[in-house]
C-alpha atoms as a PDB file:
ATOM      1  CA  MET A   1      86.202 152.532 145.339  1.00  0.00           C
ATOM      2  CA  ARG A   2      86.111 149.554 147.708  1.00  0.00           C
ATOM      3  CA  THR A   3      84.349 147.489 145.044  1.00  0.00           C
ATOM      4  CA  ILE A   4      87.040 148.292 142.487  1.00  0.00           C
ATOM      5  CA  LEU A   5      89.782 147.347 144.962  1.00  0.00           C
ATOM      6  CA  ALA A   6      87.996 144.123 145.902  1.00  0.00           C
ATOM      7  CA  VAL A   7      87.606 143.143 142.243  1.00  0.00           C
ATOM      8  CA  ALA A   8      91.262 143.989 141.551  1.00  0.00           C
ATOM      9  CA  ALA A   9      92.378 141.885 144.535  1.00  0.00           C
ATOM     10  CA  LEU A  10      90.236 138.960 143.383  1.00  0.00           C
ATOM     11  CA  LEU A  11      91.588 139.131 139.842  1.00  0.00           C
ATOM     12  CA  ALA A  12      95.159 139.324 141.138  1.00  0.00           C
ATOM     13  CA  ALA A  13      94.567 136.277 143.336  1.00  0.00           C
ATOM     14  CA  LEU A  14      93.087 134.301 140.451  1.00  0.00           C
ATOM     15  CA  CYS A  15      95.963 135.205 138.139  1.00  0.00           C
ATOM     16  CA  THR A  16      98.546 134.342 140.774  1.00  0.00           C
ATOM     17  CA  THR A  17      96.838 131.024 141.462  1.00  0.00           C
ATOM     18  CA  ALA A  18      96.674 130.123 137.780  1.00  0.00           C
ATOM     19  CA  LEU A  19     100.345 130.913 137.328  1.00  0.00           C
ATOM     20  CA  ALA A  20     101.269 128.756 140.329  1.00  0.00           C
ATOM     21  CA  VAL A  21      99.875 125.583 138.726  1.00  0.00           C
ATOM     22  CA  ASP A  22     102.560 123.073 137.851  1.00  0.00           C
ATOM     23  CA  GLY A  23     102.158 120.718 134.943  1.00  0.00           C
ATOM     24  CA  ASP A  24     102.431 120.477 131.198  1.00  0.00           C
ATOM     25  CA  VAL A  25      99.550 122.244 129.454  1.00  0.00           C
ATOM     26  CA  ASP A  26     100.089 120.397 126.157  1.00  0.00           C
ATOM     27  CA  ALA A  27     100.197 117.009 127.871  1.00  0.00           C
ATOM     28  CA  GLY A  28      97.070 117.992 129.812  1.00  0.00           C
ATOM     29  CA  ALA A  29      95.287 118.866 126.562  1.00  0.00           C
ATOM     30  CA  LYS A  30      96.045 115.366 125.288  1.00  0.00           C
ATOM     31  CA  VAL A  31      94.699 113.720 128.447  1.00  0.00           C
ATOM     32  CA  PHE A  32      91.663 116.015 128.338  1.00  0.00           C
ATOM     33  CA  LYS A  33      90.611 114.405 125.048  1.00  0.00           C
ATOM     34  CA  ARG A  34      89.113 111.652 127.240  1.00  0.00           C
ATOM     35  CA  CYS A  35      86.825 114.301 128.744  1.00  0.00           C
ATOM     36  CA  GLN A  36      85.628 115.926 125.525  1.00  0.00           C
ATOM     37  CA  ALA A  37      82.725 113.568 124.980  1.00  0.00           C
ATOM     38  CA  CYS A  38      81.053 115.307 127.934  1.00  0.00           C
ATOM     39  CA  HIS A  39      82.864 118.657 128.384  1.00  0.00           C
ATOM     40  CA  VAL A  40      83.686 121.525 126.008  1.00  0.00           C
ATOM     41  CA  PRO A  41      86.969 123.220 126.943  1.00  0.00           C
ATOM     42  CA  ASP A  42      86.978 126.372 124.839  1.00  0.00           C
ATOM     43  CA  LYS A  43      83.490 127.889 124.644  1.00  0.00           C
ATOM     44  CA  ALA A  44      80.271 128.266 126.641  1.00  0.00           C
ATOM     45  CA  GLN A  45      78.589 125.116 125.393  1.00  0.00           C
ATOM     46  CA  ASN A  46      77.284 122.506 127.800  1.00  0.00           C
ATOM     47  CA  ARG A  47      77.064 118.833 126.940  1.00  0.00           C
ATOM     48  CA  VAL A  48      76.369 116.010 129.390  1.00  0.00           C
ATOM     49  CA  GLY A  49      78.733 117.935 131.674  1.00  0.00           C
ATOM     50  CA  PRO A  50      79.195 121.687 131.990  1.00  0.00           C
ATOM     51  CA  TYR A  51      81.628 123.565 129.792  1.00  0.00           C
ATOM     52  CA  LEU A  52      85.068 123.991 131.347  1.00  0.00           C
ATOM     53  CA  ALA A  53      86.316 127.189 129.695  1.00  0.00           C
ATOM     54  CA  GLY A  54      87.326 129.401 132.611  1.00  0.00           C
ATOM     55  CA  VAL A  55      86.629 126.692 135.209  1.00  0.00           C
ATOM     56  CA  PHE A  56      89.830 127.292 137.193  1.00  0.00           C
ATOM     57  CA  GLY A  57      88.911 129.656 140.019  1.00  0.00           C
ATOM     58  CA  ARG A  58      85.172 129.444 139.271  1.00  0.00           C
ATOM     59  CA  PRO A  59      82.767 128.686 142.118  1.00  0.00           C
ATOM     60  CA  VAL A  60      81.466 125.114 142.021  1.00  0.00           C
ATOM     61  CA  ALA A  61      78.033 124.687 140.380  1.00  0.00           C
ATOM     62  CA  SER A  62      77.875 128.334 139.313  1.00  0.00           C
ATOM     63  CA  LEU A  63      76.831 128.104 135.663  1.00  0.00           C
ATOM     64  CA  GLU A  64      73.223 129.229 135.470  1.00  0.00           C
ATOM     65  CA  ASP A  65      72.486 127.279 132.291  1.00  0.00           C
ATOM     66  CA  PHE A  66      73.574 123.839 133.533  1.00  0.00           C
ATOM     67  CA  SER A  67      71.512 121.359 135.557  1.00  0.00           C
ATOM     68  CA  TYR A  68      73.850 120.242 138.353  1.00  0.00           C
ATOM     69  CA  SER A  69      73.190 117.350 140.709  1.00  0.00           C
ATOM     70  CA  ASP A  70      71.908 118.158 144.178  1.00  0.00           C
ATOM     71  CA  ALA A  71      75.305 117.058 145.541  1.00  0.00           C
ATOM     72  CA  MET A  72      77.179 119.475 143.261  1.00  0.00           C
ATOM     73  CA  ARG A  73      74.833 122.344 144.118  1.00  0.00           C
ATOM     74  CA  ALA A  74      75.368 121.618 147.830  1.00  0.00           C
ATOM     75  CA  LYS A  75      79.154 121.703 147.321  1.00  0.00           C
ATOM     76  CA  GLY A  76      78.798 125.058 145.604  1.00  0.00           C
ATOM     77  CA  ALA A  77      76.582 126.349 148.421  1.00  0.00           C
ATOM     78  CA  GLU A  78      79.437 125.516 150.829  1.00  0.00           C
ATOM     79  CA  GLY A  79      81.549 128.054 148.932  1.00  0.00           C
ATOM     80  CA  ALA A  80      83.776 125.537 147.145  1.00  0.00           C
ATOM     81  CA  VAL A  81      85.820 126.828 144.212  1.00  0.00           C
ATOM     82  CA  TRP A  82      87.474 124.877 141.401  1.00  0.00           C
ATOM     83  CA  ASP A  83      91.049 125.445 142.539  1.00  0.00           C
ATOM     84  CA  GLU A  84      94.064 123.161 142.225  1.00  0.00           C
ATOM     85  CA  SER A  85      93.226 121.174 145.350  1.00  0.00           C
ATOM     86  CA  ASN A  86      89.545 120.588 144.559  1.00  0.00           C
ATOM     87  CA  LEU A  87      90.239 119.764 140.916  1.00  0.00           C
ATOM     88  CA  ALA A  88      92.930 117.261 141.921  1.00  0.00           C
ATOM     89  CA  ALA A  89      90.620 115.510 144.373  1.00  0.00           C
ATOM     90  CA  TYR A  90      87.732 115.480 141.903  1.00  0.00           C
ATOM     91  CA  LEU A  91      89.770 114.276 138.943  1.00  0.00           C
ATOM     92  CA  ALA A  92      91.338 111.481 140.994  1.00  0.00           C
ATOM     93  CA  ALA A  93      88.055 110.129 142.380  1.00  0.00           C
ATOM     94  CA  PRO A  94      84.862 111.989 141.433  1.00  0.00           C
ATOM     95  CA  LYS A  95      82.540 109.722 143.454  1.00  0.00           C
ATOM     96  CA  THR A  96      84.717 110.024 146.565  1.00  0.00           C
ATOM     97  CA  PHE A  97      85.048 113.805 146.259  1.00  0.00           C
ATOM     98  CA  LEU A  98      81.337 114.219 145.579  1.00  0.00           C
ATOM     99  CA  PRO A  99      79.119 111.313 146.657  1.00  0.00           C
ATOM    100  CA  GLY A 100      75.844 111.611 144.777  1.00  0.00           C
ATOM    101  CA  GLY A 101      77.395 113.460 141.832  1.00  0.00           C
ATOM    102  CA  LYS A 102      76.382 112.637 138.261  1.00  0.00           C
ATOM    103  CA  MET A 103      79.819 112.273 136.641  1.00  0.00           C
ATOM    104  CA  ALA A 104      80.237 108.690 135.446  1.00  0.00           C
ATOM    105  CA  PHE A 105      84.001 108.950 134.822  1.00  0.00           C
ATOM    106  CA  ALA A 106      85.945 106.862 137.351  1.00  0.00           C
ATOM    107  CA  GLY A 107      88.829 109.335 137.572  1.00  0.00           C
ATOM    108  CA  LEU A 108      92.425 109.692 136.463  1.00  0.00           C
ATOM    109  CA  LYS A 109      94.809 107.286 138.191  1.00  0.00           C
ATOM    110  CA  LYS A 110      98.201 108.792 137.307  1.00  0.00           C
ATOM    111  CA  PRO A 111      99.182 111.833 139.398  1.00  0.00           C
ATOM    112  CA  GLU A 112     101.073 113.390 136.477  1.00  0.00           C
ATOM    113  CA  GLU A 113      97.946 113.187 134.303  1.00  0.00           C
ATOM    114  CA  ILE A 114      95.950 114.967 137.007  1.00  0.00           C
ATOM    115  CA  THR A 115      98.613 117.672 137.353  1.00  0.00           C
ATOM    116  CA  ASN A 116      98.748 118.158 133.588  1.00  0.00           C
ATOM    117  CA  VAL A 117      94.968 118.335 133.171  1.00  0.00           C
ATOM    118  CA  ILE A 118      94.802 120.932 135.946  1.00  0.00           C
ATOM    119  CA  ALA A 119      97.492 122.980 134.180  1.00  0.00           C
ATOM    120  CA  TYR A 120      95.456 122.703 130.987  1.00  0.00           C
ATOM    121  CA  LEU A 121      92.228 123.739 132.726  1.00  0.00           C
ATOM    122  CA  ALA A 122      94.020 126.667 134.392  1.00  0.00           C
ATOM    123  CA  SER A 123      95.132 127.838 130.945  1.00  0.00           C
ATOM    124  CA  LEU A 124      91.568 128.018 129.581  1.00  0.00           C
ATOM    125  CA  PRO A 125      90.162 131.546 129.475  1.00  0.00           C
ATOM    126  CA  ALA A 126      86.574 132.221 130.398  1.00  0.00           C
ATOM    127  CA  PRO A 127      84.327 132.469 127.334  1.00  0.00           C
END
């Protein structure tokens, strides 16, 4: 019974968090096109980067079938989760957020683009 309650509480928290994200999902989808050379948004298919379907609320470096950098695995081992705050910091400056990470993208410079991409990512269901 405790397990069922814990799972229900976790799901409720994730749903509440996703609904709290501000931003324009459609505008975020347009900005995300810059990311699609390396990331798949809508299915469990890795490219140079891991797939991002269901990334919002997912523990960092938790996909078993992707080869993460040592830095990303260490961040995941700290218990980091891809929430609004971590996504915003990472999207703005990947190398600052995660020194030693593999992502070559320099980051998004406009705050509204970051907010919109996060809203888009939060809208993506897990595969």
